[in-house]
Amino acid sequence: MHRTQSLDYGIVLEGEIEMHLDSGEKRLLKKGDIAVQRGTMHAWYNPSETQWTRMVFVLQECKPLVVAGQELGEDLTQAKTDDIKPSR
């Protein structure tokens, strides 16, 4: 899982994809569905072993998210690759 300091729009162009949140909630998104997120810990999983998924993402810079007085910045520590660069 990871979190970016941005307002994210994810649009499913083809296939299906699961969005997993740190709360344990999972949502299955299908072609034409849109996910809008701001500061959420999340991960994406393709539930199919045979079908690919294509998405487009638009990330817009935003102010840091503050919860209970604590600023939640980017968190890429749980990402599965070392190639992810901060969005700022």
PDB file of N, CA and C in Angstrom:
ATOM      1  N   MET A   1       0.842  -1.188   0.000  1.00  0.00           N
ATOM      2  CA  MET A   1       0.000   0.000   0.000  1.00  0.00           C
ATOM      3  C   MET A   1       0.876   1.237   0.000  1.00  0.00           C
ATOM      4  N   HIS A   2       0.270   2.318  -0.434  1.00  0.00           N
ATOM      5  CA  HIS A   2       0.990   3.582  -0.470  1.00  0.00           C
ATOM      6  C   HIS A   2      -0.014   4.724  -0.378  1.00  0.00           C
ATOM      7  N   ARG A   3       0.498   5.928  -0.103  1.00  0.00           N
ATOM      8  CA  ARG A   3      -0.327   7.129  -0.067  1.00  0.00           C
ATOM      9  C   ARG A   3       0.458   8.236  -0.743  1.00  0.00           C
ATOM     10  N   THR A   4      -0.208   8.991  -1.586  1.00  0.00           N
ATOM     11  CA  THR A   4       0.411  10.158  -2.203  1.00  0.00           C
ATOM     12  C   THR A   4      -0.256  11.417  -1.650  1.00  0.00           C
ATOM     13  N   GLN A   5       0.472  12.509  -1.673  1.00  0.00           N
ATOM     14  CA  GLN A   5      -0.086  13.794  -1.248  1.00  0.00           C
ATOM     15  C   GLN A   5      -0.654  14.464  -2.482  1.00  0.00           C
ATOM     16  N   SER A   6      -1.795  13.955  -2.911  1.00  0.00           N
ATOM     17  CA  SER A   6      -2.430  14.464  -4.120  1.00  0.00           C
ATOM     18  C   SER A   6      -3.896  14.074  -4.114  1.00  0.00           C
ATOM     19  N   LEU A   7      -4.657  14.733  -4.961  1.00  0.00           N
ATOM     20  CA  LEU A   7      -6.036  14.351  -5.231  1.00  0.00           C
ATOM     21  C   LEU A   7      -5.977  13.488  -6.480  1.00  0.00           C
ATOM     22  N   ASP A   8      -6.381  12.219  -6.352  1.00  0.00           N
ATOM     23  CA  ASP A   8      -6.207  11.243  -7.428  1.00  0.00           C
ATOM     24  C   ASP A   8      -7.542  10.856  -8.045  1.00  0.00           C
ATOM     25  N   TYR A   9      -7.567  10.835  -9.370  1.00  0.00           N
ATOM     26  CA  TYR A   9      -8.701  10.315 -10.123  1.00  0.00           C
ATOM     27  C   TYR A   9      -8.197   9.102 -10.894  1.00  0.00           C
ATOM     28  N   GLY A  10      -8.789   7.941 -10.661  1.00  0.00           N
ATOM     29  CA  GLY A  10      -8.420   6.729 -11.389  1.00  0.00           C
ATOM     30  C   GLY A  10      -9.616   6.246 -12.179  1.00  0.00           C
ATOM     31  N   ILE A  11      -9.467   6.120 -13.495  1.00  0.00           N
ATOM     32  CA  ILE A  11     -10.559   5.727 -14.376  1.00  0.00           C
ATOM     33  C   ILE A  11     -10.219   4.387 -15.008  1.00  0.00           C
ATOM     34  N   VAL A  12     -11.124   3.412 -14.878  1.00  0.00           N
ATOM     35  CA  VAL A  12     -10.913   2.093 -15.468  1.00  0.00           C
ATOM     36  C   VAL A  12     -11.330   2.154 -16.938  1.00  0.00           C
ATOM     37  N   LEU A  13     -10.368   1.926 -17.822  1.00  0.00           N
ATOM     38  CA  LEU A  13     -10.638   1.947 -19.261  1.00  0.00           C
ATOM     39  C   LEU A  13     -11.017   0.568 -19.790  1.00  0.00           C
ATOM     40  N   GLU A  14     -10.385  -0.471 -19.269  1.00  0.00           N
ATOM     41  CA  GLU A  14     -10.656  -1.856 -19.686  1.00  0.00           C
ATOM     42  C   GLU A  14     -10.462  -2.778 -18.496  1.00  0.00           C
ATOM     43  N   GLY A  15     -11.226  -3.843 -18.436  1.00  0.00           N
ATOM     44  CA  GLY A  15     -11.047  -4.862 -17.412  1.00  0.00           C
ATOM     45  C   GLY A  15     -11.645  -4.481 -16.071  1.00  0.00           C
ATOM     46  N   GLU A  16     -11.171  -5.173 -15.034  1.00  0.00           N
ATOM     47  CA  GLU A  16     -11.616  -4.945 -13.664  1.00  0.00           C
ATOM     48  C   GLU A  16     -10.397  -4.857 -12.756  1.00  0.00           C
ATOM     49  N   ILE A  17     -10.546  -4.128 -11.655  1.00  0.00           N
ATOM     50  CA  ILE A  17      -9.446  -3.999 -10.702  1.00  0.00           C
ATOM     51  C   ILE A  17     -10.028  -3.821  -9.301  1.00  0.00           C
ATOM     52  N   GLU A  18      -9.332  -4.372  -8.325  1.00  0.00           N
ATOM     53  CA  GLU A  18      -9.737  -4.190  -6.936  1.00  0.00           C
ATOM     54  C   GLU A  18      -8.909  -3.081  -6.307  1.00  0.00           C
ATOM     55  N   MET A  19      -9.597  -2.184  -5.608  1.00  0.00           N
ATOM     56  CA  MET A  19      -8.930  -1.163  -4.813  1.00  0.00           C
ATOM     57  C   MET A  19      -8.989  -1.631  -3.363  1.00  0.00           C
ATOM     58  N   HIS A  20      -7.834  -1.776  -2.724  1.00  0.00           N
ATOM     59  CA  HIS A  20      -7.755  -2.200  -1.327  1.00  0.00           C
ATOM     60  C   HIS A  20      -7.355  -1.003  -0.473  1.00  0.00           C
ATOM     61  N   LEU A  21      -8.083  -0.781   0.613  1.00  0.00           N
ATOM     62  CA  LEU A  21      -7.792   0.311   1.541  1.00  0.00           C
ATOM     63  C   LEU A  21      -7.223  -0.253   2.839  1.00  0.00           C
ATOM     64  N   ASP A  22      -6.512   0.576   3.587  1.00  0.00           N
ATOM     65  CA  ASP A  22      -5.891   0.101   4.827  1.00  0.00           C
ATOM     66  C   ASP A  22      -6.916  -0.276   5.892  1.00  0.00           C
ATOM     67  N   SER A  23      -8.164   0.097   5.710  1.00  0.00           N
ATOM     68  CA  SER A  23      -9.231  -0.300   6.633  1.00  0.00           C
ATOM     69  C   SER A  23      -9.644  -1.753   6.426  1.00  0.00           C
ATOM     70  N   GLY A  24      -9.150  -2.351   5.334  1.00  0.00           N
ATOM     71  CA  GLY A  24      -9.549  -3.708   4.974  1.00  0.00           C
ATOM     72  C   GLY A  24     -10.645  -3.732   3.926  1.00  0.00           C
ATOM     73  N   GLU A  25     -11.224  -2.566   3.647  1.00  0.00           N
ATOM     74  CA  GLU A  25     -12.282  -2.483   2.639  1.00  0.00           C
ATOM     75  C   GLU A  25     -11.707  -2.733   1.251  1.00  0.00           C
ATOM     76  N   LYS A  26     -12.488  -3.438   0.420  1.00  0.00           N
ATOM     77  CA  LYS A  26     -12.113  -3.693  -0.971  1.00  0.00           C
ATOM     78  C   LYS A  26     -13.279  -3.285  -1.858  1.00  0.00           C
ATOM     79  N   ARG A  27     -12.957  -2.685  -2.989  1.00  0.00           N
ATOM     80  CA  ARG A  27     -13.970  -2.298  -3.968  1.00  0.00           C
ATOM     81  C   ARG A  27     -13.547  -2.817  -5.328  1.00  0.00           C
ATOM     82  N   LEU A  28     -14.462  -3.473  -6.026  1.00  0.00           N
ATOM     83  CA  LEU A  28     -14.197  -3.932  -7.382  1.00  0.00           C
ATOM     84  C   LEU A  28     -14.655  -2.847  -8.345  1.00  0.00           C
ATOM     85  N   LEU A  29     -13.732  -2.338  -9.148  1.00  0.00           N
ATOM     86  CA  LEU A  29     -14.050  -1.330 -10.146  1.00  0.00           C
ATOM     87  C   LEU A  29     -14.042  -1.988 -11.519  1.00  0.00           C
ATOM     88  N   LYS A  30     -15.021  -1.609 -12.337  1.00  0.00           N
ATOM     89  CA  LYS A  30     -15.163  -2.165 -13.682  1.00  0.00           C
ATOM     90  C   LYS A  30     -15.034  -1.049 -14.711  1.00  0.00           C
ATOM     91  N   LYS A  31     -14.984  -1.439 -15.965  1.00  0.00           N
ATOM     92  CA  LYS A  31     -14.839  -0.484 -17.061  1.00  0.00           C
ATOM     93  C   LYS A  31     -15.829   0.671 -16.896  1.00  0.00           C
ATOM     94  N   GLY A  32     -15.290   1.905 -16.924  1.00  0.00           N
ATOM     95  CA  GLY A  32     -16.110   3.099 -16.786  1.00  0.00           C
ATOM     96  C   GLY A  32     -16.196   3.630 -15.368  1.00  0.00           C
ATOM     97  N   ASP A  33     -15.780   2.842 -14.384  1.00  0.00           N
ATOM     98  CA  ASP A  33     -15.814   3.297 -12.990  1.00  0.00           C
ATOM     99  C   ASP A  33     -14.669   4.270 -12.713  1.00  0.00           C
ATOM    100  N   ILE A  34     -14.908   5.162 -11.756  1.00  0.00           N
ATOM    101  CA  ILE A  34     -13.918   6.168 -11.371  1.00  0.00           C
ATOM    102  C   ILE A  34     -13.732   6.117  -9.855  1.00  0.00           C
ATOM    103  N   ALA A  35     -12.479   6.134  -9.424  1.00  0.00           N
ATOM    104  CA  ALA A  35     -12.156   6.228  -7.998  1.00  0.00           C
ATOM    105  C   ALA A  35     -11.527   7.595  -7.758  1.00  0.00           C
ATOM    106  N   VAL A  36     -12.020   8.299  -6.752  1.00  0.00           N
ATOM    107  CA  VAL A  36     -11.470   9.599  -6.373  1.00  0.00           C
ATOM    108  C   VAL A  36     -10.935   9.453  -4.953  1.00  0.00           C
ATOM    109  N   GLN A  37      -9.658   9.782  -4.765  1.00  0.00           N
ATOM    110  CA  GLN A  37      -9.020   9.607  -3.461  1.00  0.00           C
ATOM    111  C   GLN A  37      -8.197  10.837  -3.103  1.00  0.00           C
ATOM    112  N   ARG A  38      -8.134  11.100  -1.805  1.00  0.00           N
ATOM    113  CA  ARG A  38      -7.228  12.144  -1.310  1.00  0.00           C
ATOM    114  C   ARG A  38      -6.581  11.639  -0.032  1.00  0.00           C
ATOM    115  N   GLY A  39      -5.321  11.315  -0.112  1.00  0.00           N
ATOM    116  CA  GLY A  39      -4.562  10.931   1.064  1.00  0.00           C
ATOM    117  C   GLY A  39      -4.905   9.575   1.645  1.00  0.00           C
ATOM    118  N   THR A  40      -5.469   8.668   0.854  1.00  0.00           N
ATOM    119  CA  THR A  40      -5.803   7.345   1.380  1.00  0.00           C
ATOM    120  C   THR A  40      -4.663   6.364   1.146  1.00  0.00           C
ATOM    121  N   MET A  41      -4.434   5.477   2.137  1.00  0.00           N
ATOM    122  CA  MET A  41      -3.522   4.354   1.936  1.00  0.00           C
ATOM    123  C   MET A  41      -4.286   3.349   1.084  1.00  0.00           C
ATOM    124  N   HIS A  42      -3.686   2.950  -0.029  1.00  0.00           N
ATOM    125  CA  HIS A  42      -4.399   2.062  -0.938  1.00  0.00           C
ATOM    126  C   HIS A  42      -3.429   1.221  -1.761  1.00  0.00           C
ATOM    127  N   ALA A  43      -3.989   0.207  -2.393  1.00  0.00           N
ATOM    128  CA  ALA A  43      -3.237  -0.640  -3.314  1.00  0.00           C
ATOM    129  C   ALA A  43      -4.211  -1.122  -4.384  1.00  0.00           C
ATOM    130  N   TRP A  44      -3.668  -1.473  -5.534  1.00  0.00           N
ATOM    131  CA  TRP A  44      -4.463  -1.956  -6.663  1.00  0.00           C
ATOM    132  C   TRP A  44      -4.093  -3.399  -6.967  1.00  0.00           C
ATOM    133  N   TYR A  45      -5.111  -4.240  -7.220  1.00  0.00           N
ATOM    134  CA  TYR A  45      -4.884  -5.641  -7.570  1.00  0.00           C
ATOM    135  C   TYR A  45      -5.804  -6.045  -8.711  1.00  0.00           C
ATOM    136  N   ASN A  46      -5.253  -6.693  -9.708  1.00  0.00           N
ATOM    137  CA  ASN A  46      -6.051  -7.260 -10.786  1.00  0.00           C
ATOM    138  C   ASN A  46      -6.497  -8.647 -10.333  1.00  0.00           C
ATOM    139  N   PRO A  47      -7.819  -8.876 -10.157  1.00  0.00           N
ATOM    140  CA  PRO A  47      -8.290 -10.165  -9.653  1.00  0.00           C
ATOM    141  C   PRO A  47      -8.243 -11.286 -10.695  1.00  0.00           C
ATOM    142  N   SER A  48      -8.041 -10.948 -11.942  1.00  0.00           N
ATOM    143  CA  SER A  48      -8.038 -11.952 -13.008  1.00  0.00           C
ATOM    144  C   SER A  48      -6.634 -12.474 -13.282  1.00  0.00           C
ATOM    145  N   GLU A  49      -6.556 -13.755 -13.543  1.00  0.00           N
ATOM    146  CA  GLU A  49      -5.278 -14.350 -13.938  1.00  0.00           C
ATOM    147  C   GLU A  49      -5.108 -14.354 -15.448  1.00  0.00           C
ATOM    148  N   THR A  50      -6.172 -14.013 -16.183  1.00  0.00           N
ATOM    149  CA  THR A  50      -6.106 -14.087 -17.648  1.00  0.00           C
ATOM    150  C   THR A  50      -6.409 -12.774 -18.356  1.00  0.00           C
ATOM    151  N   GLN A  51      -7.057 -11.831 -17.691  1.00  0.00           N
ATOM    152  CA  GLN A  51      -7.449 -10.570 -18.324  1.00  0.00           C
ATOM    153  C   GLN A  51      -6.625  -9.411 -17.767  1.00  0.00           C
ATOM    154  N   TRP A  52      -6.214  -8.515 -18.638  1.00  0.00           N
ATOM    155  CA  TRP A  52      -5.459  -7.347 -18.217  1.00  0.00           C
ATOM    156  C   TRP A  52      -6.417  -6.218 -17.851  1.00  0.00           C
ATOM    157  N   THR A  53      -5.889  -5.225 -17.183  1.00  0.00           N
ATOM    158  CA  THR A  53      -6.641  -4.031 -16.799  1.00  0.00           C
ATOM    159  C   THR A  53      -5.886  -2.811 -17.289  1.00  0.00           C
ATOM    160  N   ARG A  54      -6.621  -1.851 -17.807  1.00  0.00           N
ATOM    161  CA  ARG A  54      -6.007  -0.588 -18.224  1.00  0.00           C
ATOM    162  C   ARG A  54      -6.721   0.543 -17.498  1.00  0.00           C
ATOM    163  N   MET A  55      -5.914   1.410 -16.859  1.00  0.00           N
ATOM    164  CA  MET A  55      -6.456   2.566 -16.152  1.00  0.00           C
ATOM    165  C   MET A  55      -5.687   3.812 -16.550  1.00  0.00           C
ATOM    166  N   VAL A  56      -6.321   4.936 -16.350  1.00  0.00           N
ATOM    167  CA  VAL A  56      -5.634   6.215 -16.495  1.00  0.00           C
ATOM    168  C   VAL A  56      -5.809   6.950 -15.163  1.00  0.00           C
ATOM    169  N   PHE A  57      -4.733   7.603 -14.736  1.00  0.00           N
ATOM    170  CA  PHE A  57      -4.756   8.335 -13.469  1.00  0.00           C
ATOM    171  C   PHE A  57      -4.422   9.797 -13.710  1.00  0.00           C
ATOM    172  N   VAL A  58      -5.132  10.657 -13.008  1.00  0.00           N
ATOM    173  CA  VAL A  58      -4.828  12.082 -12.987  1.00  0.00           C
ATOM    174  C   VAL A  58      -4.570  12.427 -11.525  1.00  0.00           C
ATOM    175  N   LEU A  59      -3.371  12.924 -11.237  1.00  0.00           N
ATOM    176  CA  LEU A  59      -3.005  13.310  -9.874  1.00  0.00           C
ATOM    177  C   LEU A  59      -2.822  14.819  -9.825  1.00  0.00           C
ATOM    178  N   GLN A  60      -3.554  15.458  -8.935  1.00  0.00           N
ATOM    179  CA  GLN A  60      -3.476  16.903  -8.778  1.00  0.00           C
ATOM    180  C   GLN A  60      -2.906  17.207  -7.401  1.00  0.00           C
ATOM    181  N   GLU A  61      -1.893  18.050  -7.356  1.00  0.00           N
ATOM    182  CA  GLU A  61      -1.298  18.424  -6.071  1.00  0.00           C
ATOM    183  C   GLU A  61      -2.364  19.024  -5.159  1.00  0.00           C
ATOM    184  N   CYS A  62      -2.263  18.728  -3.875  1.00  0.00           N
ATOM    185  CA  CYS A  62      -3.204  19.293  -2.911  1.00  0.00           C
ATOM    186  C   CYS A  62      -2.486  19.538  -1.586  1.00  0.00           C
ATOM    187  N   LYS A  63      -3.146  20.239  -0.709  1.00  0.00           N
ATOM    188  CA  LYS A  63      -2.585  20.491   0.616  1.00  0.00           C
ATOM    189  C   LYS A  63      -2.516  19.173   1.380  1.00  0.00           C
ATOM    190  N   PRO A  64      -1.592  19.066   2.339  1.00  0.00           N
ATOM    191  CA  PRO A  64      -1.491  17.836   3.132  1.00  0.00           C
ATOM    192  C   PRO A  64      -2.793  17.547   3.884  1.00  0.00           C
ATOM    193  N   LEU A  65      -3.102  16.291   4.016  1.00  0.00           N
ATOM    194  CA  LEU A  65      -4.266  15.854   4.774  1.00  0.00           C
ATOM    195  C   LEU A  65      -3.902  15.854   6.256  1.00  0.00           C
ATOM    196  N   VAL A  66      -4.769  16.440   7.092  1.00  0.00           N
ATOM    197  CA  VAL A  66      -4.529  16.496   8.531  1.00  0.00           C
ATOM    198  C   VAL A  66      -5.659  15.741   9.227  1.00  0.00           C
ATOM    199  N   VAL A  67      -5.287  14.726  10.029  1.00  0.00           N
ATOM    200  CA  VAL A  67      -6.253  13.925  10.779  1.00  0.00           C
ATOM    201  C   VAL A  67      -5.845  13.943  12.246  1.00  0.00           C
ATOM    202  N   ALA A  68      -6.759  14.361  13.106  1.00  0.00           N
ATOM    203  CA  ALA A  68      -6.503  14.436  14.552  1.00  0.00           C
ATOM    204  C   ALA A  68      -5.228  15.223  14.848  1.00  0.00           C
ATOM    205  N   GLY A  69      -5.019  16.308  14.101  1.00  0.00           N
ATOM    206  CA  GLY A  69      -3.867  17.170  14.318  1.00  0.00           C
ATOM    207  C   GLY A  69      -2.565  16.659  13.739  1.00  0.00           C
ATOM    208  N   GLN A  70      -2.591  15.486  13.112  1.00  0.00           N
ATOM    209  CA  GLN A  70      -1.379  14.910  12.527  1.00  0.00           C
ATOM    210  C   GLN A  70      -1.435  15.030  11.004  1.00  0.00           C
ATOM    211  N   GLU A  71      -0.356  15.566  10.437  1.00  0.00           N
ATOM    212  CA  GLU A  71      -0.268  15.697   8.985  1.00  0.00           C
ATOM    213  C   GLU A  71       0.132  14.355   8.368  1.00  0.00           C
ATOM    214  N   LEU A  72      -0.666  13.902   7.410  1.00  0.00           N
ATOM    215  CA  LEU A  72      -0.390  12.646   6.717  1.00  0.00           C
ATOM    216  C   LEU A  72       0.180  12.966   5.346  1.00  0.00           C
ATOM    217  N   GLY A  73       1.484  12.863   5.212  1.00  0.00           N
ATOM    218  CA  GLY A  73       2.140  13.129   3.937  1.00  0.00           C
ATOM    219  C   GLY A  73       2.216  11.872   3.099  1.00  0.00           C
ATOM    220  N   GLU A  74       3.071  11.899   2.083  1.00  0.00           N
ATOM    221  CA  GLU A  74       3.257  10.726   1.237  1.00  0.00           C
ATOM    222  C   GLU A  74       3.848   9.586   2.046  1.00  0.00           C
ATOM    223  N   ASP A  75       3.423   8.389   1.733  1.00  0.00           N
ATOM    224  CA  ASP A  75       3.950   7.189   2.378  1.00  0.00           C
ATOM    225  C   ASP A  75       4.103   6.117   1.312  1.00  0.00           C
ATOM    226  N   LEU A  76       5.320   5.943   0.855  1.00  0.00           N
ATOM    227  CA  LEU A  76       5.602   4.939  -0.168  1.00  0.00           C
ATOM    228  C   LEU A  76       6.341   3.749   0.428  1.00  0.00           C
ATOM    229  N   THR A  77       6.407   3.676   1.756  1.00  0.00           N
ATOM    230  CA  THR A  77       7.210   2.644   2.413  1.00  0.00           C
ATOM    231  C   THR A  77       6.681   1.244   2.190  1.00  0.00           C
ATOM    232  N   GLN A  78       5.390   1.107   1.950  1.00  0.00           N
ATOM    233  CA  GLN A  78       4.822  -0.220   1.758  1.00  0.00           C
ATOM    234  C   GLN A  78       4.674  -0.578   0.284  1.00  0.00           C
ATOM    235  N   ALA A  79       5.081   0.301  -0.603  1.00  0.00           N
ATOM    236  CA  ALA A  79       4.987   0.004  -2.035  1.00  0.00           C
ATOM    237  C   ALA A  79       5.908  -1.164  -2.363  1.00  0.00           C
ATOM    238  N   LYS A  80       5.541  -1.930  -3.380  1.00  0.00           N
ATOM    239  CA  LYS A  80       6.291  -3.145  -3.697  1.00  0.00           C
ATOM    240  C   LYS A  80       7.454  -2.919  -4.648  1.00  0.00           C
ATOM    241  N   THR A  81       7.746  -1.690  -4.955  1.00  0.00           N
ATOM    242  CA  THR A  81       8.857  -1.432  -5.863  1.00  0.00           C
ATOM    243  C   THR A  81       9.689  -0.267  -5.354  1.00  0.00           C
ATOM    244  N   ASP A  82      10.966  -0.306  -5.607  1.00  0.00           N
ATOM    245  CA  ASP A  82      11.855   0.791  -5.230  1.00  0.00           C
ATOM    246  C   ASP A  82      11.877   1.885  -6.289  1.00  0.00           C
ATOM    247  N   ASP A  83      11.173   1.666  -7.396  1.00  0.00           N
ATOM    248  CA  ASP A  83      11.208   2.605  -8.510  1.00  0.00           C
ATOM    249  C   ASP A  83      10.200   3.736  -8.370  1.00  0.00           C
ATOM    250  N   ILE A  84       9.350   3.706  -7.356  1.00  0.00           N
ATOM    251  CA  ILE A  84       8.337   4.746  -7.197  1.00  0.00           C
ATOM    252  C   ILE A  84       8.990   5.998  -6.648  1.00  0.00           C
ATOM    253  N   LYS A  85       8.775   7.093  -7.322  1.00  0.00           N
ATOM    254  CA  LYS A  85       9.323   8.383  -6.905  1.00  0.00           C
ATOM    255  C   LYS A  85       8.209   9.222  -6.276  1.00  0.00           C
ATOM    256  N   PRO A  86       8.503  10.064  -5.292  1.00  0.00           N
ATOM    257  CA  PRO A  86       7.493  10.937  -4.709  1.00  0.00           C
ATOM    258  C   PRO A  86       6.847  11.809  -5.779  1.00  0.00           C
ATOM    259  N   SER A  87       5.562  12.151  -5.580  1.00  0.00           N
ATOM    260  CA  SER A  87       4.847  12.936  -6.585  1.00  0.00           C
ATOM    261  C   SER A  87       5.140  14.419  -6.479  1.00  0.00           C
ATOM    262  N   ARG A  88       5.907  14.845  -5.478  1.00  0.00           N
ATOM    263  CA  ARG A  88       6.234  16.262  -5.333  1.00  0.00           C
ATOM    264  C   ARG A  88       7.673  16.488  -5.639  1.00  0.00           C
TER     265      ARG A  88
END
